[in-house]
Amino acid sequence: MTFPNNTNNRVFYATQAVAVGDIGATGVKDSWDTTDAGDFIGDGYVMVAHGIQSIGVTTNFNLEQIFELGQLSLYENYEEVPDIEVTFEKILDGYSLVYHLGTVDATDPTLTGRSNARSDIRMLIGYDTKTSVSNETAGQSGVAELYCSGTYISSISYNLATDGNFTESTTFVGNNKLWLTGAGSLLADSNGLIADAFDVFDGNDAPVGPGNSVLRRQNLVIDSTGKDYGGTTFRTVVPDFIEGTDPASATGIEGVGGTGLATNCSYVENDVYINSVSISCDLGRESINSLGKKTPYLRYVNFPVEVTCDIEVTATGGDNIDAYEEGNPALTGSRNLKNHSIQFVLDDSTVFSLGNKNKLTSVSYGGGDAGGGNATITYSMSNFNDFVVMHSGDPITLAAGSYYKDWF
C-alpha cells in the first residue's frame, strides 16, 4: 500500500477522529447531545464520537504450526482467523457513550439485549499541518482511514472519581481490519473531501454536559429527589452498610428504576463521602465456527458474566462489616452477606443500574497512618448479568418511556 499524499511527520491527537455505528454503514453523521433515547440517526450510518481521549488497535495473526514425520522444517504455518482489538478511552461529556454507539442494533439496554449487536469502527488520520481533521482542502482528504467491520463490544468500564473527569473505557473485538486511502474510503473520500459530519471539529467543538462541561464529581446525583428521565425517577443508591447512609430510608423506597422495592440500600446524600466508583464488565466473547466457513458466524457472550463495582469512601468510622466463621447469627442460612441494590445517576441523563443482587466480595480499610492522610474504605461488590447503562443519546430503537425503566 502506498500513501502518495502522505507528508506527515507524526500522528497526534488533532489529526485523529473516530466514528462508530451501524454495521455495513455507508454514511457518516455527527452525534447528537441529549435527545430522546431511541431517536436514532437512521440505519446505515456511523456517528462521530466526541470526547475521545485515546484509541488503540491491536492485531494478532493466529498461527498454528503443523509438522510431519520425515522432516524437521515446518510442513505449514497455518493462519487462523486474525483477531482485532480496538480500545477507546472517552470522557463523559453529555454526548453518546461509545458503548451505545457500538450497540445500535440492541433490542434493549440489558446485557442480553446488547450481546449480539455488531458495529463498524472508522478512524480518520489527517495531516499533521492542519489545526483539525475538518480543516482540509480538495485533494487533501487526509492520510488514511482505518476500517474495522463487524466488531463486538468485549468489555466496558466506567470510572467516577473526585479527582478528574468521569471516563468510559470500551474494548471491541472483531476479525476484519482495513487501511483505506482515497477510493473506497468513507470518511476521506476519493474526491479529496472530508465527510461533512467532521465539520464539527472546526476548533469550536465543546462538551454538551450540564453547563456545557464534561462530567465531574458534582455531576453525581446525591439527593433523594433524584432525576426524572423518560417519565421515571432515578436515584443513586448504595449498600446500606456504608457509613453515613440512612438504613431506615431503604424501607419501602422505590427501586433501581423507580418501580420495584430496592434491596438493603440507601439513598446517597450529603453525609456519604464517596471518593470513587469503578464499574466494569468483561463479556468474555467466544467464537462459534461452522463447517464450510472460515469466519466465525457468532462471537457470543459467555454467560454468566460477572459485573463488579468498587466503591471507595472516606472513613468516618469502621467499615461496618462483620464476618463470622459460622455465619452471622442475625441471618439465616449460616451466611454473612445480603443482597444489595446499586445504582448511580448522573445529571446528564446517564444511569448505571446494577440491579438488586449485588453482594460484597471484599472490604479493605487502610490509610490514616502517622505520615498523614485520611483512612479510606473500599467495598468491592459483584453481581452476575445485571448491568444496564442508559443515556438519552443511546441510538437503540426504543421510545424513552420503554427505555427508561426498571429492567430488574
Protein backbone atom coordinates (compact mmCIF):
# COMPACT_ATOMS: atom_id res chain seq x y z
CA MET A 1 0.00 0.00 0.00
CA THR A 2 1.31 3.46 -0.86
CA PHE A 3 0.37 6.85 0.50
CA PRO A 4 1.22 9.31 -2.30
CA ASN A 5 -0.09 12.35 -0.40
CA ASN A 6 1.37 11.44 2.97
CA THR A 7 3.63 14.27 4.07
CA ASN A 8 3.07 13.59 7.79
CA ASN A 9 5.96 13.52 10.19
CA ARG A 10 3.78 12.21 13.00
CA VAL A 11 0.23 11.47 14.16
CA PHE A 12 -1.12 13.23 17.26
CA TYR A 13 -4.47 13.97 18.85
CA ALA A 14 -5.61 16.74 16.49
CA THR A 15 -5.05 14.56 13.42
CA GLN A 16 -7.33 11.69 14.52
CA ALA A 17 -11.13 11.42 14.56
CA VAL A 18 -13.34 8.41 15.15
CA ALA A 19 -16.85 7.33 14.14
CA VAL A 20 -18.69 4.24 15.41
CA GLY A 21 -22.07 2.88 14.37
CA ASP A 22 -24.14 0.62 12.20
CA ILE A 23 -22.52 -2.47 10.67
CA GLY A 24 -22.11 -2.01 6.92
CA ALA A 25 -22.53 1.76 7.24
CA THR A 26 -22.41 3.75 4.01
CA GLY A 27 -22.51 7.23 5.51
CA VAL A 28 -21.34 9.24 8.50
CA LYS A 29 -23.24 11.75 10.63
CA ASP A 30 -22.44 13.87 13.64
CA SER A 31 -23.60 12.66 17.05
CA TRP A 32 -26.35 14.47 18.91
CA ASP A 33 -26.25 15.51 22.52
CA THR A 34 -29.24 14.62 24.72
CA THR A 35 -32.24 13.86 22.54
CA ASP A 36 -34.80 11.23 23.47
CA ALA A 37 -33.49 7.70 23.65
CA GLY A 38 -34.43 5.81 20.53
CA ASP A 39 -34.20 8.85 18.25
CA PHE A 40 -31.62 7.16 16.03
CA ILE A 41 -29.98 8.87 13.07
CA GLY A 42 -31.12 6.09 10.75
CA ASP A 43 -29.72 2.79 9.57
CA GLY A 44 -26.56 2.76 7.53
CA TYR A 45 -24.54 5.39 9.39
CA VAL A 46 -21.61 5.60 11.73
CA MET A 47 -21.67 8.50 14.17
CA VAL A 48 -18.84 10.83 15.14
CA ALA A 49 -17.60 10.05 18.65
CA HIS A 50 -16.91 13.07 20.86
CA GLY A 51 -14.64 13.36 23.86
CA ILE A 52 -12.34 10.53 22.78
CA GLN A 53 -9.04 10.63 24.66
CA SER A 54 -7.30 7.69 23.04
CA ILE A 55 -7.74 4.79 20.66
CA GLY A 56 -5.58 1.70 20.41
CA VAL A 57 -5.66 -1.05 17.80
CA THR A 58 -4.04 -4.47 18.21
CA THR A 59 -3.94 -7.15 15.50
CA ASN A 60 -2.99 -10.73 16.30
CA PHE A 61 -2.41 -13.23 13.50
CA ASN A 62 -3.09 -16.64 14.99
CA LEU A 63 -0.63 -19.14 13.60
CA GLU A 64 -0.75 -22.90 14.11
CA GLN A 65 2.43 -24.83 13.39
CA ILE A 66 1.97 -28.14 11.56
CA PHE A 67 4.86 -30.61 11.24
CA GLU A 68 5.19 -34.02 9.63
CA LEU A 69 7.21 -37.16 10.00
CA GLY A 70 10.28 -37.16 7.81
CA GLN A 71 11.44 -33.55 8.04
CA LEU A 72 12.38 -31.07 10.75
CA SER A 73 11.18 -27.99 8.91
CA LEU A 74 7.61 -26.73 9.08
CA TYR A 75 5.04 -28.54 6.97
CA GLU A 76 2.80 -25.45 7.14
CA ASN A 77 2.46 -22.41 9.38
CA TYR A 78 -1.34 -22.30 9.13
CA GLU A 79 -3.13 -18.97 9.52
CA GLU A 80 -6.30 -18.95 11.57
CA VAL A 81 -8.69 -16.01 11.57
CA PRO A 82 -6.94 -12.82 12.78
CA ASP A 83 -8.13 -11.17 15.99
CA ILE A 84 -8.61 -7.40 16.03
CA GLU A 85 -8.96 -5.48 19.29
CA VAL A 86 -9.86 -1.79 19.44
CA THR A 87 -9.82 0.10 22.74
CA PHE A 88 -11.31 3.53 23.48
CA GLU A 89 -10.96 5.93 26.37
CA LYS A 90 -13.65 8.63 26.46
CA ILE A 91 -14.55 11.49 28.79
CA LEU A 92 -18.21 11.60 29.78
CA ASP A 93 -19.31 14.87 28.19
CA GLY A 94 -23.06 14.64 27.52
CA TYR A 95 -22.58 13.07 24.10
CA SER A 96 -23.46 9.47 23.28
CA LEU A 97 -21.42 6.80 25.05
CA VAL A 98 -19.15 4.63 22.92
CA TYR A 99 -20.83 1.57 24.46
CA HIS A 100 -24.10 2.77 22.96
CA LEU A 101 -22.66 3.71 19.55
CA GLY A 102 -21.25 0.18 19.38
CA THR A 103 -24.62 -1.45 20.05
CA VAL A 104 -27.06 0.38 17.77
CA ASP A 105 -28.77 -2.92 16.89
CA ALA A 106 -29.54 -3.73 20.53
CA THR A 107 -33.07 -4.79 21.38
CA ASP A 108 -32.95 -3.26 24.87
CA PRO A 109 -30.35 -1.80 27.30
CA THR A 110 -29.63 -5.07 29.14
CA LEU A 111 -26.54 -7.22 28.62
CA THR A 112 -28.53 -9.81 26.71
CA GLY A 113 -30.25 -7.13 24.65
CA ARG A 114 -26.88 -5.74 23.58
CA SER A 115 -25.00 -9.05 23.40
CA ASN A 116 -25.34 -9.79 19.66
CA ALA A 117 -25.11 -6.19 18.39
CA ARG A 118 -22.26 -5.52 15.95
CA SER A 119 -20.78 -2.27 14.73
CA ASP A 120 -18.30 -0.67 12.36
CA ILE A 121 -15.42 1.47 13.58
CA ARG A 122 -13.88 4.14 11.37
CA MET A 123 -10.88 6.31 12.24
CA LEU A 124 -9.61 9.15 10.08
CA ILE A 125 -5.97 10.22 10.15
CA GLY A 126 -5.47 13.73 8.82
CA TYR A 127 -2.47 15.91 8.10
CA ASP A 128 -0.20 17.00 10.94
CA THR A 129 0.00 20.51 9.48
CA LYS A 130 -3.72 21.20 9.97
CA THR A 131 -5.48 22.53 13.06
CA SER A 132 -8.28 19.95 12.83
CA VAL A 133 -9.33 17.00 10.69
CA SER A 134 -12.08 19.10 9.10
CA ASN A 135 -9.60 21.79 8.04
CA GLU A 136 -8.76 20.13 4.73
CA THR A 137 -8.88 21.23 1.13
CA ALA A 138 -9.82 19.34 -2.03
CA GLY A 139 -7.14 16.83 -2.86
CA GLN A 140 -6.01 16.74 0.76
CA SER A 141 -8.53 14.49 2.40
CA GLY A 142 -6.18 13.06 4.97
CA VAL A 143 -3.59 10.36 5.05
CA ALA A 144 -5.58 7.18 5.71
CA GLU A 145 -8.70 5.67 7.20
CA LEU A 146 -8.97 2.68 9.49
CA TYR A 147 -12.00 0.45 8.88
CA CYS A 148 -12.82 -2.31 11.37
CA SER A 149 -16.04 -4.03 10.37
CA GLY A 150 -18.46 -6.24 12.28
CA THR A 151 -16.97 -5.67 15.72
CA TYR A 152 -18.50 -6.69 19.04
CA ILE A 153 -18.25 -4.98 22.43
CA SER A 154 -15.95 -7.10 24.60
CA SER A 155 -15.52 -5.12 27.81
CA ILE A 156 -16.82 -1.93 29.38
CA SER A 157 -15.76 0.05 32.42
CA TYR A 158 -16.65 3.40 33.97
CA ASN A 159 -14.63 5.41 36.44
CA LEU A 160 -16.26 8.11 38.56
CA ALA A 161 -13.67 9.83 40.75
CA THR A 162 -13.33 13.01 42.76
CA ASP A 163 -10.01 13.92 41.19
CA GLY A 164 -10.64 14.31 37.49
CA ASN A 165 -13.13 13.63 34.73
CA PHE A 166 -15.63 10.79 34.64
CA THR A 167 -14.46 8.34 31.99
CA GLU A 168 -15.60 5.39 29.91
CA SER A 169 -13.29 2.62 28.66
CA THR A 170 -14.52 0.21 26.00
CA THR A 171 -12.96 -2.65 24.07
CA PHE A 172 -14.22 -4.01 20.75
CA VAL A 173 -13.20 -7.29 19.14
CA GLY A 174 -13.53 -8.39 15.53
CA ASN A 175 -11.80 -10.19 12.67
CA ASN A 176 -11.66 -7.58 9.88
CA LYS A 177 -9.42 -4.53 9.56
CA LEU A 178 -8.57 -2.41 6.52
CA TRP A 179 -6.45 0.68 5.95
CA LEU A 180 -8.01 2.77 3.19
CA THR A 181 -6.72 5.71 1.17
CA GLY A 182 -8.66 7.59 -1.47
CA ALA A 183 -11.08 5.36 -3.36
CA GLY A 184 -13.03 3.06 -1.07
CA SER A 185 -12.74 5.38 1.90
CA LEU A 186 -15.90 6.55 3.67
CA LEU A 187 -14.57 9.34 5.89
CA ALA A 188 -11.96 10.70 3.46
CA ASP A 189 -13.41 10.10 0.02
CA SER A 190 -11.86 9.79 -3.43
CA ASN A 191 -12.82 13.38 -4.27
CA GLY A 192 -10.43 14.66 -1.67
CA LEU A 193 -13.12 15.79 0.76
CA ILE A 194 -13.67 15.03 4.41
CA ALA A 195 -17.20 13.82 5.29
CA ASP A 196 -19.34 16.81 6.26
CA ALA A 197 -20.04 15.33 9.69
CA PHE A 198 -16.43 16.03 10.68
CA ASP A 199 -17.02 19.75 10.21
CA VAL A 200 -17.94 19.66 13.90
CA PHE A 201 -14.19 19.57 14.58
CA ASP A 202 -13.75 23.18 13.50
CA GLY A 203 -11.98 24.43 16.60
CA ASN A 204 -15.27 25.15 18.39
CA ASP A 205 -16.41 21.67 19.39
CA ALA A 206 -17.21 21.53 23.10
CA PRO A 207 -18.92 19.26 25.64
CA VAL A 208 -22.71 19.25 25.92
CA GLY A 209 -22.92 18.04 29.52
CA PRO A 210 -24.59 20.16 32.21
CA GLY A 211 -23.26 23.71 31.95
CA ASN A 212 -21.68 22.74 28.60
CA SER A 213 -18.97 20.95 30.53
CA VAL A 214 -17.52 17.49 31.00
CA LEU A 215 -18.83 15.44 33.90
CA ARG A 216 -17.00 15.53 37.24
CA ARG A 217 -17.68 14.83 40.90
CA GLN A 218 -20.50 17.39 41.20
CA ASN A 219 -22.47 15.65 38.46
CA LEU A 220 -23.34 12.58 40.55
CA VAL A 221 -26.94 12.91 41.75
CA ILE A 222 -26.83 12.51 45.54
CA ASP A 223 -30.21 13.63 46.84
CA SER A 224 -33.34 11.59 47.44
CA THR A 225 -35.26 13.69 44.91
CA GLY A 226 -33.36 12.03 42.09
CA LYS A 227 -33.78 12.83 38.42
CA ASP A 228 -36.68 12.21 36.08
CA TYR A 229 -35.67 10.57 32.82
CA GLY A 230 -38.27 9.31 30.38
CA GLY A 231 -41.01 9.61 32.99
CA THR A 232 -39.18 7.53 35.63
CA THR A 233 -37.42 8.89 38.70
CA PHE A 234 -33.90 7.53 39.15
CA ARG A 235 -31.90 7.86 42.36
CA THR A 236 -28.34 7.00 43.33
CA VAL A 237 -28.46 4.15 45.84
CA VAL A 238 -25.63 2.27 47.55
CA PRO A 239 -25.48 -0.57 50.11
CA ASP A 240 -26.86 0.49 53.48
CA PHE A 241 -23.77 -0.65 55.42
CA ILE A 242 -21.81 2.36 54.09
CA GLU A 243 -21.23 4.93 56.83
CA GLY A 244 -23.46 7.99 56.55
CA THR A 245 -26.33 6.25 54.83
CA ASP A 246 -29.72 6.05 56.48
CA PRO A 247 -30.76 2.37 56.55
CA ALA A 248 -34.26 3.41 57.52
CA SER A 249 -34.62 5.12 54.15
CA ALA A 250 -34.20 1.73 52.49
CA THR A 251 -37.53 0.57 53.87
CA GLY A 252 -40.09 0.84 51.12
CA ILE A 253 -38.04 3.11 48.85
CA GLU A 254 -38.52 2.87 45.13
CA GLY A 255 -36.12 0.57 43.41
CA VAL A 256 -33.50 0.78 40.73
CA GLY A 257 -35.82 2.03 38.03
CA GLY A 258 -38.25 3.74 40.37
CA THR A 259 -40.88 0.99 40.48
CA GLY A 260 -39.67 -2.08 42.39
CA LEU A 261 -38.63 -2.47 46.02
CA ALA A 262 -34.91 -1.86 46.43
CA THR A 263 -32.82 -4.32 48.46
CA ASN A 264 -30.80 -3.32 51.55
CA CYS A 265 -29.75 0.06 50.18
CA SER A 266 -29.99 3.74 50.93
CA TYR A 267 -30.08 6.98 49.01
CA VAL A 268 -26.74 8.72 48.69
CA GLU A 269 -26.96 12.11 50.37
CA ASN A 270 -24.57 14.68 51.82
CA ASP A 271 -23.34 12.57 54.75
CA VAL A 272 -21.93 9.84 52.47
CA TYR A 273 -18.40 10.73 51.38
CA ILE A 274 -17.70 8.70 48.24
CA ASN A 275 -14.20 9.11 46.79
CA SER A 276 -14.56 6.98 43.68
CA VAL A 277 -16.69 4.42 41.91
CA SER A 278 -15.39 1.90 39.39
CA ILE A 279 -17.82 -0.27 37.41
CA SER A 280 -16.62 -2.93 34.99
CA CYS A 281 -17.89 -5.84 32.95
CA ASP A 282 -15.88 -8.27 30.80
CA LEU A 283 -18.10 -10.08 28.32
CA GLY A 284 -15.62 -12.91 27.55
CA ARG A 285 -16.50 -13.33 23.87
CA GLU A 286 -16.08 -16.78 22.34
CA SER A 287 -16.39 -17.84 18.71
CA ILE A 288 -18.78 -20.35 17.13
CA ASN A 289 -17.48 -21.82 13.88
CA SER A 290 -19.22 -23.95 11.26
CA LEU A 291 -18.03 -26.27 8.52
CA GLY A 292 -17.72 -24.62 5.11
CA LYS A 293 -16.85 -21.21 6.51
CA LYS A 294 -13.62 -19.91 8.00
CA THR A 295 -15.05 -16.82 9.71
CA PRO A 296 -16.96 -17.36 12.97
CA TYR A 297 -20.66 -16.82 12.46
CA LEU A 298 -21.03 -15.54 16.03
CA ARG A 299 -18.79 -14.29 18.82
CA TYR A 300 -21.15 -14.84 21.71
CA VAL A 301 -21.13 -13.59 25.27
CA ASN A 302 -20.24 -16.46 27.56
CA PHE A 303 -22.91 -16.02 30.24
CA PRO A 304 -22.91 -15.81 33.21
CA VAL A 305 -20.92 -12.57 33.20
CA GLU A 306 -19.58 -11.03 36.40
CA VAL A 307 -20.25 -7.33 36.95
CA THR A 308 -18.01 -5.65 39.51
CA CYS A 309 -18.34 -2.36 41.36
CA ASP A 310 -15.71 -0.89 43.68
CA ILE A 311 -16.85 1.94 45.95
CA GLU A 312 -14.18 3.84 47.88
CA VAL A 313 -15.29 6.12 50.71
CA THR A 314 -13.52 8.35 53.18
CA ALA A 315 -13.71 6.58 56.53
CA THR A 316 -15.70 8.35 59.24
CA GLY A 317 -15.95 5.20 61.35
CA GLY A 318 -15.44 1.49 60.79
CA ASP A 319 -16.25 -0.47 57.67
CA ASN A 320 -19.42 -1.81 59.35
CA ILE A 321 -18.85 -5.34 58.03
CA ASP A 322 -18.93 -8.25 60.48
CA ALA A 323 -17.59 -11.66 59.49
CA TYR A 324 -18.45 -14.85 61.44
CA GLU A 325 -16.85 -18.19 60.72
CA GLU A 326 -20.23 -19.92 61.08
CA GLY A 327 -22.31 -17.11 59.65
CA ASN A 328 -23.93 -14.05 61.17
CA PRO A 329 -26.37 -15.11 63.92
CA ALA A 330 -28.73 -12.38 62.78
CA LEU A 331 -29.02 -14.00 59.33
CA THR A 332 -30.49 -17.36 58.40
CA GLY A 333 -28.60 -19.99 56.46
CA SER A 334 -25.15 -19.67 58.07
CA ARG A 335 -24.21 -16.67 55.98
CA ASN A 336 -22.65 -13.27 56.43
CA LEU A 337 -23.94 -11.39 53.39
CA LYS A 338 -27.13 -9.91 51.98
CA ASN A 339 -28.13 -8.79 48.50
CA HIS A 340 -27.92 -5.06 47.85
CA SER A 341 -29.22 -2.67 45.21
CA ILE A 342 -26.70 -0.42 43.47
CA GLN A 343 -27.39 2.42 41.07
CA PHE A 344 -25.54 5.59 40.10
CA VAL A 345 -27.29 8.50 38.39
CA LEU A 346 -25.58 11.40 36.60
CA ASP A 347 -27.26 14.67 35.81
CA ASP A 348 -26.65 14.41 32.06
CA SER A 349 -29.22 11.55 31.79
CA THR A 350 -26.74 8.68 32.39
CA VAL A 351 -27.88 5.84 34.65
CA PHE A 352 -25.72 2.89 35.74
CA SER A 353 -28.04 0.23 37.10
CA LEU A 354 -26.54 -2.91 38.64
CA GLY A 355 -29.74 -4.48 39.89
CA ASN A 356 -30.73 -5.78 43.30
CA LYS A 357 -28.48 -8.83 43.77
CA ASN A 358 -25.08 -7.30 44.48
CA LYS A 359 -23.02 -8.96 47.21
CA LEU A 360 -19.84 -7.87 48.94
CA THR A 361 -16.78 -9.83 47.80
CA SER A 362 -14.21 -7.95 49.89
CA VAL A 363 -13.73 -4.86 52.01
CA SER A 364 -10.43 -3.16 52.80
CA TYR A 365 -9.69 -0.48 55.39
CA GLY A 366 -6.43 1.44 55.21
CA GLY A 367 -4.62 4.76 55.26
CA GLY A 368 -4.82 7.32 58.02
CA ASP A 369 -1.31 6.48 59.18
CA ALA A 370 1.12 8.69 61.08
CA GLY A 371 2.51 10.04 57.83
CA GLY A 372 -0.71 11.93 57.24
CA GLY A 373 -3.73 11.41 55.02
CA ASN A 374 -7.17 10.03 55.66
CA ALA A 375 -8.33 6.49 56.21
CA THR A 376 -10.35 5.04 53.34
CA ILE A 377 -12.59 2.02 52.92
CA THR A 378 -13.04 0.18 49.62
CA TYR A 379 -16.09 -2.05 49.19
CA SER A 380 -15.85 -4.50 46.28
CA MET A 381 -19.26 -5.70 45.13
CA SER A 382 -20.30 -8.06 42.37
CA ASN A 383 -23.35 -9.49 40.66
CA PHE A 384 -23.86 -11.58 37.56
CA ASN A 385 -25.51 -10.37 34.35
CA ASP A 386 -27.20 -7.28 35.88
CA PHE A 387 -25.67 -4.36 34.00
CA VAL A 388 -27.75 -1.65 32.37
CA VAL A 389 -26.30 1.65 31.15
CA MET A 390 -28.79 4.24 29.92
CA HIS A 391 -28.32 7.66 28.34
CA SER A 392 -30.64 9.85 26.29
CA GLY A 393 -28.18 9.71 23.40
CA ASP A 394 -28.49 5.93 23.09
CA PRO A 395 -29.49 5.22 19.47
CA ILE A 396 -31.36 1.93 20.00
CA THR A 397 -34.90 1.98 18.66
CA LEU A 398 -36.87 2.23 21.89
CA ALA A 399 -39.05 5.18 22.84
CA ALA A 400 -37.96 6.96 26.00
CA GLY A 401 -40.86 5.59 28.06
CA SER A 402 -39.97 2.00 27.17
CA TYR A 403 -36.25 2.62 27.58
CA TYR A 404 -36.02 4.39 30.93
CA LYS A 405 -37.49 1.90 33.37
CA ASP A 406 -36.60 -0.71 35.96
CA TRP A 407 -35.01 -3.56 33.97
CA PHE A 408 -34.66 -5.73 37.08
